[in-house]
Amino acid sequence: VIVDPGLPNETIETVIAPGNWTYINNNETLTTTVQFPEIDPAT
């Protein structure tokens, strides 16, 4: 197994507050969007 140290993995943990959820589709779906600037075009 060859591991390239130039390609590090990263884990980010965050919390979704209860007030961030929104109902859509006649209240059949709850949705929330969390901003992740780490997801740039290359990522």
PDB file of all heavy atoms in Angstrom:
ATOM      1  N   VAL A   1       0.861  -1.179   0.000  1.00  0.00           N
ATOM      2  CA  VAL A   1       0.000   0.000   0.000  1.00  0.00           C
ATOM      3  C   VAL A   1       0.897   1.228   0.000  1.00  0.00           C
ATOM      4  O   VAL A   1       1.747   1.386   0.860  1.00  0.00           O
ATOM      5  CB  VAL A   1      -0.927   0.004   1.235  1.00  0.00           C
ATOM      6  CG1 VAL A   1      -1.777   1.261   1.246  1.00  0.00           C
ATOM      7  CG2 VAL A   1      -1.793  -1.237   1.242  1.00  0.00           C
ATOM      8  N   ILE A   2       0.678   2.066  -0.990  1.00  0.00           N
ATOM      9  CA  ILE A   2       1.485   3.266  -1.107  1.00  0.00           C
ATOM     10  C   ILE A   2       0.609   4.453  -0.730  1.00  0.00           C
ATOM     11  O   ILE A   2      -0.456   4.656  -1.307  1.00  0.00           O
ATOM     12  CB  ILE A   2       2.031   3.434  -2.535  1.00  0.00           C
ATOM     13  CG1 ILE A   2       2.912   2.230  -2.887  1.00  0.00           C
ATOM     14  CG2 ILE A   2       2.789   4.739  -2.678  1.00  0.00           C
ATOM     15  CD1 ILE A   2       3.354   2.195  -4.323  1.00  0.00           C
ATOM     16  N   VAL A   3       1.042   5.208   0.246  1.00  0.00           N
ATOM     17  CA  VAL A   3       0.320   6.388   0.685  1.00  0.00           C
ATOM     18  C   VAL A   3       1.135   7.613   0.297  1.00  0.00           C
ATOM     19  O   VAL A   3       2.292   7.733   0.670  1.00  0.00           O
ATOM     20  CB  VAL A   3       0.077   6.353   2.215  1.00  0.00           C
ATOM     21  CG1 VAL A   3      -0.617   7.618   2.662  1.00  0.00           C
ATOM     22  CG2 VAL A   3      -0.714   5.121   2.598  1.00  0.00           C
ATOM     23  N   ASP A   4       0.511   8.482  -0.446  1.00  0.00           N
ATOM     24  CA  ASP A   4       1.183   9.699  -0.870  1.00  0.00           C
ATOM     25  C   ASP A   4       0.975  10.771   0.203  1.00  0.00           C
ATOM     26  O   ASP A   4      -0.148  11.232   0.400  1.00  0.00           O
ATOM     27  CB  ASP A   4       0.614  10.168  -2.202  1.00  0.00           C
ATOM     28  CG  ASP A   4       1.338  11.382  -2.760  1.00  0.00           C
ATOM     29  OD1 ASP A   4       2.154  11.990  -2.033  1.00  0.00           O
ATOM     30  OD2 ASP A   4       1.087  11.718  -3.920  1.00  0.00           O
ATOM     31  N   PRO A   5       2.023  11.168   0.931  1.00  0.00           N
ATOM     32  CA  PRO A   5       1.855  12.167   1.978  1.00  0.00           C
ATOM     33  C   PRO A   5       1.467  13.541   1.435  1.00  0.00           C
ATOM     34  O   PRO A   5       1.050  14.415   2.171  1.00  0.00           O
ATOM     35  CB  PRO A   5       3.217  12.215   2.669  1.00  0.00           C
ATOM     36  CG  PRO A   5       4.178  11.709   1.653  1.00  0.00           C
ATOM     37  CD  PRO A   5       3.407  10.732   0.795  1.00  0.00           C
ATOM     38  N   GLY A   6       1.556  13.719   0.111  1.00  0.00           N
ATOM     39  CA  GLY A   6       1.169  14.984  -0.485  1.00  0.00           C
ATOM     40  C   GLY A   6      -0.338  15.114  -0.662  1.00  0.00           C
ATOM     41  O   GLY A   6      -0.823  16.149  -1.056  1.00  0.00           O
ATOM     42  N   LEU A   7      -1.098  14.039  -0.387  1.00  0.00           N
ATOM     43  CA  LEU A   7      -2.544  14.071  -0.535  1.00  0.00           C
ATOM     44  C   LEU A   7      -3.209  13.793   0.814  1.00  0.00           C
ATOM     45  O   LEU A   7      -3.727  12.711   1.070  1.00  0.00           O
ATOM     46  CB  LEU A   7      -3.003  13.029  -1.566  1.00  0.00           C
ATOM     47  CG  LEU A   7      -2.478  13.192  -2.987  1.00  0.00           C
ATOM     48  CD1 LEU A   7      -2.934  12.038  -3.860  1.00  0.00           C
ATOM     49  CD2 LEU A   7      -2.946  14.507  -3.579  1.00  0.00           C
ATOM     50  N   PRO A   8      -3.220  14.750   1.723  1.00  0.00           N
ATOM     51  CA  PRO A   8      -3.802  14.501   3.048  1.00  0.00           C
ATOM     52  C   PRO A   8      -5.325  14.547   3.016  1.00  0.00           C
ATOM     53  O   PRO A   8      -5.915  15.371   2.320  1.00  0.00           O
ATOM     54  CB  PRO A   8      -3.243  15.644   3.891  1.00  0.00           C
ATOM     55  CG  PRO A   8      -3.094  16.766   2.904  1.00  0.00           C
ATOM     56  CD  PRO A   8      -2.694  16.100   1.600  1.00  0.00           C
ATOM     57  N   ASN A   9      -5.937  13.636   3.752  1.00  0.00           N
ATOM     58  CA  ASN A   9      -7.380  13.681   3.942  1.00  0.00           C
ATOM     59  C   ASN A   9      -7.682  14.609   5.113  1.00  0.00           C
ATOM     60  O   ASN A   9      -6.830  14.874   5.947  1.00  0.00           O
ATOM     61  CB  ASN A   9      -7.925  12.282   4.207  1.00  0.00           C
ATOM     62  CG  ASN A   9      -7.697  11.370   3.020  1.00  0.00           C
ATOM     63  OD1 ASN A   9      -7.689  11.804   1.879  1.00  0.00           O
ATOM     64  ND2 ASN A   9      -7.499  10.101   3.291  1.00  0.00           N
ATOM     65  N   GLU A  10      -8.904  15.091   5.170  1.00  0.00           N
ATOM     66  CA  GLU A  10      -9.284  16.033   6.214  1.00  0.00           C
ATOM     67  C   GLU A  10     -10.720  15.757   6.630  1.00  0.00           C
ATOM     68  O   GLU A  10     -11.573  15.464   5.804  1.00  0.00           O
ATOM     69  CB  GLU A  10      -9.173  17.465   5.666  1.00  0.00           C
ATOM     70  CG  GLU A  10      -9.552  18.540   6.642  1.00  0.00           C
ATOM     71  CD  GLU A  10      -9.449  19.926   6.042  1.00  0.00           C
ATOM     72  OE1 GLU A  10      -9.395  20.062   4.811  1.00  0.00           O
ATOM     73  OE2 GLU A  10      -9.437  20.884   6.829  1.00  0.00           O
ATOM     74  N   THR A  11     -10.999  15.831   7.927  1.00  0.00           N
ATOM     75  CA  THR A  11     -12.354  15.681   8.443  1.00  0.00           C
ATOM     76  C   THR A  11     -12.757  16.970   9.145  1.00  0.00           C
ATOM     77  O   THR A  11     -11.995  17.510   9.937  1.00  0.00           O
ATOM     78  CB  THR A  11     -12.443  14.494   9.428  1.00  0.00           C
ATOM     79  OG1 THR A  11     -12.102  13.296   8.733  1.00  0.00           O
ATOM     80  CG2 THR A  11     -13.840  14.358   9.993  1.00  0.00           C
ATOM     81  N   ILE A  12     -13.948  17.435   8.821  1.00  0.00           N
ATOM     82  CA  ILE A  12     -14.484  18.647   9.434  1.00  0.00           C
ATOM     83  C   ILE A  12     -15.801  18.289  10.091  1.00  0.00           C
ATOM     84  O   ILE A  12     -16.663  17.656   9.472  1.00  0.00           O
ATOM     85  CB  ILE A  12     -14.703  19.754   8.387  1.00  0.00           C
ATOM     86  CG1 ILE A  12     -13.367  20.134   7.737  1.00  0.00           C
ATOM     87  CG2 ILE A  12     -15.385  20.966   9.010  1.00  0.00           C
ATOM     88  CD1 ILE A  12     -13.496  21.103   6.593  1.00  0.00           C
ATOM     89  N   GLU A  13     -15.946  18.655  11.350  1.00  0.00           N
ATOM     90  CA  GLU A  13     -17.197  18.447  12.067  1.00  0.00           C
ATOM     91  C   GLU A  13     -17.834  19.799  12.348  1.00  0.00           C
ATOM     92  O   GLU A  13     -17.148  20.755  12.695  1.00  0.00           O
ATOM     93  CB  GLU A  13     -16.961  17.705  13.382  1.00  0.00           C
ATOM     94  CG  GLU A  13     -16.548  16.267  13.178  1.00  0.00           C
ATOM     95  CD  GLU A  13     -16.412  15.510  14.482  1.00  0.00           C
ATOM     96  OE1 GLU A  13     -16.338  16.150  15.553  1.00  0.00           O
ATOM     97  OE2 GLU A  13     -16.381  14.281  14.436  1.00  0.00           O
ATOM     98  N   THR A  14     -19.152  19.851  12.184  1.00  0.00           N
ATOM     99  CA  THR A  14     -19.902  21.065  12.463  1.00  0.00           C
ATOM    100  C   THR A  14     -21.237  20.665  13.062  1.00  0.00           C
ATOM    101  O   THR A  14     -21.557  19.482  13.157  1.00  0.00           O
ATOM    102  CB  THR A  14     -20.081  21.922  11.186  1.00  0.00           C
ATOM    103  OG1 THR A  14     -20.644  23.166  11.546  1.00  0.00           O
ATOM    104  CG2 THR A  14     -20.935  21.227  10.158  1.00  0.00           C
ATOM    105  N   VAL A  15     -22.012  21.639  13.466  1.00  0.00           N
ATOM    106  CA  VAL A  15     -23.302  21.391  14.102  1.00  0.00           C
ATOM    107  C   VAL A  15     -24.383  22.150  13.328  1.00  0.00           C
ATOM    108  O   VAL A  15     -24.189  23.311  12.960  1.00  0.00           O
ATOM    109  CB  VAL A  15     -23.274  21.837  15.579  1.00  0.00           C
ATOM    110  CG1 VAL A  15     -24.646  21.734  16.208  1.00  0.00           C
ATOM    111  CG2 VAL A  15     -22.263  21.011  16.362  1.00  0.00           C
ATOM    112  N   ILE A  16     -25.494  21.472  13.088  1.00  0.00           N
ATOM    113  CA  ILE A  16     -26.645  22.113  12.455  1.00  0.00           C
ATOM    114  C   ILE A  16     -27.630  22.473  13.566  1.00  0.00           C
ATOM    115  O   ILE A  16     -28.135  21.595  14.266  1.00  0.00           O
ATOM    116  CB  ILE A  16     -27.314  21.171  11.437  1.00  0.00           C
ATOM    117  CG1 ILE A  16     -26.314  20.749  10.362  1.00  0.00           C
ATOM    118  CG2 ILE A  16     -28.536  21.851  10.815  1.00  0.00           C
ATOM    119  CD1 ILE A  16     -26.810  19.630   9.467  1.00  0.00           C
ATOM    120  N   ALA A  17     -27.869  23.749  13.738  1.00  0.00           N
ATOM    121  CA  ALA A  17     -28.785  24.214  14.786  1.00  0.00           C
ATOM    122  C   ALA A  17     -30.226  23.868  14.410  1.00  0.00           C
ATOM    123  O   ALA A  17     -30.569  23.829  13.220  1.00  0.00           O
ATOM    124  CB  ALA A  17     -28.632  25.714  14.979  1.00  0.00           C
ATOM    125  N   PRO A  18     -31.088  23.622  15.399  1.00  0.00           N
ATOM    126  CA  PRO A  18     -32.487  23.274  15.111  1.00  0.00           C
ATOM    127  C   PRO A  18     -33.204  24.304  14.240  1.00  0.00           C
ATOM    128  O   PRO A  18     -34.016  23.950  13.387  1.00  0.00           O
ATOM    129  CB  PRO A  18     -33.129  23.192  16.495  1.00  0.00           C
ATOM    130  CG  PRO A  18     -32.009  22.884  17.420  1.00  0.00           C
ATOM    131  CD  PRO A  18     -30.809  23.571  16.841  1.00  0.00           C
ATOM    132  N   GLY A  19     -32.901  25.572  14.410  1.00  0.00           N
ATOM    133  CA  GLY A  19     -33.558  26.613  13.643  1.00  0.00           C
ATOM    134  C   GLY A  19     -33.122  26.715  12.192  1.00  0.00           C
ATOM    135  O   GLY A  19     -33.704  27.471  11.411  1.00  0.00           O
ATOM    136  N   ASN A  20     -32.098  25.958  11.801  1.00  0.00           N
ATOM    137  CA  ASN A  20     -31.599  26.030  10.426  1.00  0.00           C
ATOM    138  C   ASN A  20     -32.379  25.153   9.447  1.00  0.00           C
ATOM    139  O   ASN A  20     -32.140  25.205   8.251  1.00  0.00           O
ATOM    140  CB  ASN A  20     -30.123  25.643  10.375  1.00  0.00           C
ATOM    141  CG  ASN A  20     -29.235  26.688  11.014  1.00  0.00           C
ATOM    142  OD1 ASN A  20     -29.707  27.733  11.442  1.00  0.00           O
ATOM    143  ND2 ASN A  20     -27.949  26.402  11.110  1.00  0.00           N
ATOM    144  N   TRP A  21     -33.283  24.300   9.955  1.00  0.00           N
ATOM    145  CA  TRP A  21     -34.050  23.404   9.093  1.00  0.00           C
ATOM    146  C   TRP A  21     -35.269  24.131   8.544  1.00  0.00           C
ATOM    147  O   TRP A  21     -35.935  24.874   9.239  1.00  0.00           O
ATOM    148  CB  TRP A  21     -34.493  22.159   9.866  1.00  0.00           C
ATOM    149  CG  TRP A  21     -33.339  21.311  10.316  1.00  0.00           C
ATOM    150  CD1 TRP A  21     -32.738  21.350  11.528  1.00  0.00           C
ATOM    151  CD2 TRP A  21     -32.662  20.311   9.558  1.00  0.00           C
ATOM    152  NE1 TRP A  21     -31.719  20.430  11.581  1.00  0.00           N
ATOM    153  CE2 TRP A  21     -31.653  19.774  10.373  1.00  0.00           C
ATOM    154  CE3 TRP A  21     -32.811  19.813   8.269  1.00  0.00           C
ATOM    155  CZ2 TRP A  21     -30.799  18.763   9.953  1.00  0.00           C
ATOM    156  CZ3 TRP A  21     -31.954  18.800   7.850  1.00  0.00           C
ATOM    157  CH2 TRP A  21     -30.964  18.296   8.688  1.00  0.00           C
ATOM    158  N   THR A  22     -35.592  23.888   7.272  1.00  0.00           N
ATOM    159  CA  THR A  22     -36.729  24.502   6.600  1.00  0.00           C
ATOM    160  C   THR A  22     -37.574  23.412   5.951  1.00  0.00           C
ATOM    161  O   THR A  22     -37.030  22.477   5.354  1.00  0.00           O
ATOM    162  CB  THR A  22     -36.247  25.475   5.501  1.00  0.00           C
ATOM    163  OG1 THR A  22     -35.359  26.423   6.079  1.00  0.00           O
ATOM    164  CG2 THR A  22     -37.401  26.187   4.845  1.00  0.00           C
ATOM    165  N   TYR A  23     -38.897  23.545   6.044  1.00  0.00           N
ATOM    166  CA  TYR A  23     -39.800  22.611   5.377  1.00  0.00           C
ATOM    167  C   TYR A  23     -39.969  22.988   3.911  1.00  0.00           C
ATOM    168  O   TYR A  23     -40.093  24.168   3.569  1.00  0.00           O
ATOM    169  CB  TYR A  23     -41.186  22.619   6.039  1.00  0.00           C
ATOM    170  CG  TYR A  23     -41.252  21.825   7.316  1.00  0.00           C
ATOM    171  CD1 TYR A  23     -41.260  22.459   8.550  1.00  0.00           C
ATOM    172  CD2 TYR A  23     -41.311  20.441   7.287  1.00  0.00           C
ATOM    173  CE1 TYR A  23     -41.325  21.737   9.729  1.00  0.00           C
ATOM    174  CE2 TYR A  23     -41.377  19.702   8.458  1.00  0.00           C
ATOM    175  CZ  TYR A  23     -41.395  20.346   9.676  1.00  0.00           C
ATOM    176  OH  TYR A  23     -41.445  19.623  10.830  1.00  0.00           O
ATOM    177  N   ILE A  24     -39.982  21.967   3.037  1.00  0.00           N
ATOM    178  CA  ILE A  24     -40.296  22.150   1.615  1.00  0.00           C
ATOM    179  C   ILE A  24     -41.197  20.987   1.188  1.00  0.00           C
ATOM    180  O   ILE A  24     -41.426  20.051   1.973  1.00  0.00           O
ATOM    181  CB  ILE A  24     -39.020  22.217   0.738  1.00  0.00           C
ATOM    182  CG1 ILE A  24     -38.187  20.940   0.862  1.00  0.00           C
ATOM    183  CG2 ILE A  24     -38.190  23.441   1.071  1.00  0.00           C
ATOM    184  CD1 ILE A  24     -37.031  20.868  -0.136  1.00  0.00           C
ATOM    185  N   ASN A  25     -41.686  21.011  -0.031  1.00  0.00           N
ATOM    186  CA  ASN A  25     -42.526  19.938  -0.585  1.00  0.00           C
ATOM    187  C   ASN A  25     -43.739  19.647   0.291  1.00  0.00           C
ATOM    188  O   ASN A  25     -43.970  18.497   0.682  1.00  0.00           O
ATOM    189  CB  ASN A  25     -41.723  18.653  -0.814  1.00  0.00           C
ATOM    190  CG  ASN A  25     -40.584  18.828  -1.788  1.00  0.00           C
ATOM    191  OD1 ASN A  25     -40.624  19.703  -2.632  1.00  0.00           O
ATOM    192  ND2 ASN A  25     -39.560  18.012  -1.655  1.00  0.00           N
ATOM    193  N   ASN A  26     -44.511  20.669   0.598  1.00  0.00           N
ATOM    194  CA  ASN A  26     -45.725  20.495   1.417  1.00  0.00           C
ATOM    195  C   ASN A  26     -45.419  19.849   2.767  1.00  0.00           C
ATOM    196  O   ASN A  26     -46.132  18.956   3.219  1.00  0.00           O
ATOM    197  CB  ASN A  26     -46.777  19.683   0.672  1.00  0.00           C
ATOM    198  CG  ASN A  26     -47.286  20.404  -0.548  1.00  0.00           C
ATOM    199  OD1 ASN A  26     -47.420  21.631  -0.529  1.00  0.00           O
ATOM    200  ND2 ASN A  26     -47.557  19.666  -1.606  1.00  0.00           N
ATOM    201  N   ASN A  27     -44.345  20.272   3.384  1.00  0.00           N
ATOM    202  CA  ASN A  27     -43.906  19.781   4.703  1.00  0.00           C
ATOM    203  C   ASN A  27     -43.509  18.303   4.710  1.00  0.00           C
ATOM    204  O   ASN A  27     -43.459  17.685   5.762  1.00  0.00           O
ATOM    205  CB  ASN A  27     -44.969  20.041   5.772  1.00  0.00           C
ATOM    206  CG  ASN A  27     -45.142  21.514   6.048  1.00  0.00           C
ATOM    207  OD1 ASN A  27     -44.258  22.311   5.748  1.00  0.00           O
ATOM    208  ND2 ASN A  27     -46.265  21.880   6.600  1.00  0.00           N
ATOM    209  N   GLU A  28     -43.212  17.739   3.535  1.00  0.00           N
ATOM    210  CA  GLU A  28     -42.773  16.340   3.461  1.00  0.00           C
ATOM    211  C   GLU A  28     -41.261  16.215   3.574  1.00  0.00           C
ATOM    212  O   GLU A  28     -40.736  15.123   3.759  1.00  0.00           O
ATOM    213  CB  GLU A  28     -43.245  15.699   2.157  1.00  0.00           C
ATOM    214  CG  GLU A  28     -44.747  15.547   2.071  1.00  0.00           C
ATOM    215  CD  GLU A  28     -45.193  14.954   0.751  1.00  0.00           C
ATOM    216  OE1 GLU A  28     -44.324  14.577  -0.069  1.00  0.00           O
ATOM    217  OE2 GLU A  28     -46.405  14.871   0.533  1.00  0.00           O
ATOM    218  N   THR A  29     -40.546  17.329   3.453  1.00  0.00           N
ATOM    219  CA  THR A  29     -39.087  17.309   3.470  1.00  0.00           C
ATOM    220  C   THR A  29     -38.572  18.452   4.328  1.00  0.00           C
ATOM    221  O   THR A  29     -39.041  19.578   4.228  1.00  0.00           O
ATOM    222  CB  THR A  29     -38.522  17.464   2.041  1.00  0.00           C
ATOM    223  OG1 THR A  29     -39.061  16.439   1.212  1.00  0.00           O
ATOM    224  CG2 THR A  29     -37.007  17.366   2.036  1.00  0.00           C
ATOM    225  N   LEU A  30     -37.586  18.127   5.168  1.00  0.00           N
ATOM    226  CA  LEU A  30     -36.825  19.146   5.904  1.00  0.00           C
ATOM    227  C   LEU A  30     -35.484  19.292   5.202  1.00  0.00           C
ATOM    228  O   LEU A  30     -34.858  18.292   4.835  1.00  0.00           O
ATOM    229  CB  LEU A  30     -36.591  18.706   7.346  1.00  0.00           C
ATOM    230  CG  LEU A  30     -37.679  19.011   8.348  1.00  0.00           C
ATOM    231  CD1 LEU A  30     -37.399  18.289   9.662  1.00  0.00           C
ATOM    232  CD2 LEU A  30     -37.779  20.504   8.594  1.00  0.00           C
ATOM    233  N   THR A  31     -35.026  20.502   5.044  1.00  0.00           N
ATOM    234  CA  THR A  31     -33.765  20.722   4.357  1.00  0.00           C
ATOM    235  C   THR A  31     -32.960  21.812   5.051  1.00  0.00           C
ATOM    236  O   THR A  31     -33.525  22.695   5.694  1.00  0.00           O
ATOM    237  CB  THR A  31     -33.991  21.081   2.870  1.00  0.00           C
ATOM    238  OG1 THR A  31     -32.729  21.177   2.215  1.00  0.00           O
ATOM    239  CG2 THR A  31     -34.742  22.384   2.723  1.00  0.00           C
ATOM    240  N   THR A  32     -31.657  21.707   4.928  1.00  0.00           N
ATOM    241  CA  THR A  32     -30.756  22.754   5.402  1.00  0.00           C
ATOM    242  C   THR A  32     -29.507  22.734   4.532  1.00  0.00           C
ATOM    243  O   THR A  32     -29.101  21.676   4.039  1.00  0.00           O
ATOM    244  CB  THR A  32     -30.385  22.579   6.884  1.00  0.00           C
ATOM    245  OG1 THR A  32     -29.624  23.711   7.315  1.00  0.00           O
ATOM    246  CG2 THR A  32     -29.572  21.323   7.129  1.00  0.00           C
ATOM    247  N   THR A  33     -28.925  23.884   4.333  1.00  0.00           N
ATOM    248  CA  THR A  33     -27.689  23.980   3.566  1.00  0.00           C
ATOM    249  C   THR A  33     -26.599  24.509   4.476  1.00  0.00           C
ATOM    250  O   THR A  33     -26.766  25.530   5.135  1.00  0.00           O
ATOM    251  CB  THR A  33     -27.874  24.910   2.352  1.00  0.00           C
ATOM    252  OG1 THR A  33     -28.875  24.349   1.501  1.00  0.00           O
ATOM    253  CG2 THR A  33     -26.579  25.044   1.565  1.00  0.00           C
ATOM    254  N   VAL A  34     -25.483  23.787   4.513  1.00  0.00           N
ATOM    255  CA  VAL A  34     -24.334  24.154   5.337  1.00  0.00           C
ATOM    256  C   VAL A  34     -23.225  24.628   4.407  1.00  0.00           C
ATOM    257  O   VAL A  34     -22.864  23.929   3.450  1.00  0.00           O
ATOM    258  CB  VAL A  34     -23.850  22.947   6.180  1.00  0.00           C
ATOM    259  CG1 VAL A  34     -22.666  23.340   7.034  1.00  0.00           C
ATOM    260  CG2 VAL A  34     -24.994  22.400   7.026  1.00  0.00           C
ATOM    261  N   GLN A  35     -22.709  25.812   4.672  1.00  0.00           N
ATOM    262  CA  GLN A  35     -21.647  26.375   3.840  1.00  0.00           C
ATOM    263  C   GLN A  35     -20.321  25.655   4.120  1.00  0.00           C
ATOM    264  O   GLN A  35     -19.950  25.461   5.277  1.00  0.00           O
ATOM    265  CB  GLN A  35     -21.507  27.871   4.096  1.00  0.00           C
ATOM    266  CG  GLN A  35     -22.756  28.665   3.757  1.00  0.00           C
ATOM    267  CD  GLN A  35     -23.208  28.474   2.324  1.00  0.00           C
ATOM    268  OE1 GLN A  35     -22.419  28.581   1.401  1.00  0.00           O
ATOM    269  NE2 GLN A  35     -24.500  28.193   2.153  1.00  0.00           N
ATOM    270  N   PHE A  36     -19.644  25.257   3.052  1.00  0.00           N
ATOM    271  CA  PHE A  36     -18.325  24.634   3.133  1.00  0.00           C
ATOM    272  C   PHE A  36     -17.423  25.297   2.097  1.00  0.00           C
ATOM    273  O   PHE A  36     -17.343  24.848   0.956  1.00  0.00           O
ATOM    274  CB  PHE A  36     -18.403  23.120   2.864  1.00  0.00           C
ATOM    275  CG  PHE A  36     -18.712  22.309   4.064  1.00  0.00           C
ATOM    276  CD1 PHE A  36     -20.023  22.001   4.384  1.00  0.00           C
ATOM    277  CD2 PHE A  36     -17.702  21.837   4.891  1.00  0.00           C
ATOM    278  CE1 PHE A  36     -20.324  21.243   5.489  1.00  0.00           C
ATOM    279  CE2 PHE A  36     -17.996  21.080   6.010  1.00  0.00           C
ATOM    280  CZ  PHE A  36     -19.315  20.788   6.312  1.00  0.00           C
ATOM    281  N   PRO A  37     -16.731  26.384   2.472  1.00  0.00           N
ATOM    282  CA  PRO A  37     -15.842  27.034   1.507  1.00  0.00           C
ATOM    283  C   PRO A  37     -14.702  26.104   1.071  1.00  0.00           C
ATOM    284  O   PRO A  37     -14.061  26.358   0.049  1.00  0.00           O
ATOM    285  CB  PRO A  37     -15.318  28.254   2.264  1.00  0.00           C
ATOM    286  CG  PRO A  37     -15.581  27.995   3.702  1.00  0.00           C
ATOM    287  CD  PRO A  37     -16.743  27.055   3.767  1.00  0.00           C
ATOM    288  N   GLU A  38     -14.483  25.025   1.826  1.00  0.00           N
ATOM    289  CA  GLU A  38     -13.432  24.064   1.465  1.00  0.00           C
ATOM    290  C   GLU A  38     -13.765  23.332   0.156  1.00  0.00           C
ATOM    291  O   GLU A  38     -12.887  22.765  -0.484  1.00  0.00           O
ATOM    292  CB  GLU A  38     -13.250  23.016   2.578  1.00  0.00           C
ATOM    293  CG  GLU A  38     -12.774  23.588   3.896  1.00  0.00           C
ATOM    294  CD  GLU A  38     -13.904  24.141   4.753  1.00  0.00           C
ATOM    295  OE1 GLU A  38     -15.088  24.050   4.365  1.00  0.00           O
ATOM    296  OE2 GLU A  38     -13.598  24.669   5.828  1.00  0.00           O
ATOM    297  N   ILE A  39     -15.048  23.332  -0.229  1.00  0.00           N
ATOM    298  CA  ILE A  39     -15.433  22.682  -1.482  1.00  0.00           C
ATOM    299  C   ILE A  39     -15.272  23.697  -2.607  1.00  0.00           C
ATOM    300  O   ILE A  39     -16.236  24.257  -3.125  1.00  0.00           O
ATOM    301  CB  ILE A  39     -16.878  22.132  -1.410  1.00  0.00           C
ATOM    302  CG1 ILE A  39     -17.064  21.237  -0.184  1.00  0.00           C
ATOM    303  CG2 ILE A  39     -17.199  21.328  -2.677  1.00  0.00           C
ATOM    304  CD1 ILE A  39     -18.489  20.772   0.036  1.00  0.00           C
ATOM    305  N   ASP A  40     -14.030  23.939  -2.952  1.00  0.00           N
ATOM    306  CA  ASP A  40     -13.719  24.853  -4.046  1.00  0.00           C
ATOM    307  C   ASP A  40     -13.815  24.081  -5.370  1.00  0.00           C
ATOM    308  O   ASP A  40     -14.063  22.878  -5.369  1.00  0.00           O
ATOM    309  CB  ASP A  40     -12.344  25.490  -3.833  1.00  0.00           C
ATOM    310  CG  ASP A  40     -11.224  24.468  -3.719  1.00  0.00           C
ATOM    311  OD1 ASP A  40     -11.417  23.292  -4.101  1.00  0.00           O
ATOM    312  OD2 ASP A  40     -10.139  24.838  -3.244  1.00  0.00           O
ATOM    313  N   PRO A  41     -13.644  24.740  -6.518  1.00  0.00           N
ATOM    314  CA  PRO A  41     -13.769  24.032  -7.795  1.00  0.00           C
ATOM    315  C   PRO A  41     -12.847  22.820  -7.930  1.00  0.00           C
ATOM    316  O   PRO A  41     -13.256  21.780  -8.448  1.00  0.00           O
ATOM    317  CB  PRO A  41     -13.442  25.108  -8.837  1.00  0.00           C
ATOM    318  CG  PRO A  41     -13.909  26.379  -8.193  1.00  0.00           C
ATOM    319  CD  PRO A  41     -13.558  26.202  -6.724  1.00  0.00           C
ATOM    320  N   ALA A  42     -11.608  22.927  -7.468  1.00  0.00           N
ATOM    321  CA  ALA A  42     -10.682  21.784  -7.575  1.00  0.00           C
ATOM    322  C   ALA A  42     -11.122  20.632  -6.677  1.00  0.00           C
ATOM    323  O   ALA A  42     -11.093  19.466  -7.086  1.00  0.00           O
ATOM    324  CB  ALA A  42      -9.266  22.228  -7.210  1.00  0.00           C
ATOM    325  N   THR A  43     -11.531  20.934  -5.452  1.00  0.00           N
ATOM    326  CA  THR A  43     -12.010  19.890  -4.537  1.00  0.00           C
ATOM    327  C   THR A  43     -13.264  19.245  -5.096  1.00  0.00           C
ATOM    328  O   THR A  43     -13.415  18.028  -5.078  1.00  0.00           O
ATOM    329  CB  THR A  43     -12.296  20.489  -3.149  1.00  0.00           C
ATOM    330  OG1 THR A  43     -11.078  21.019  -2.629  1.00  0.00           O
ATOM    331  CG2 THR A  43     -12.839  19.454  -2.195  1.00  0.00           C
TER     332      THR A  43
END
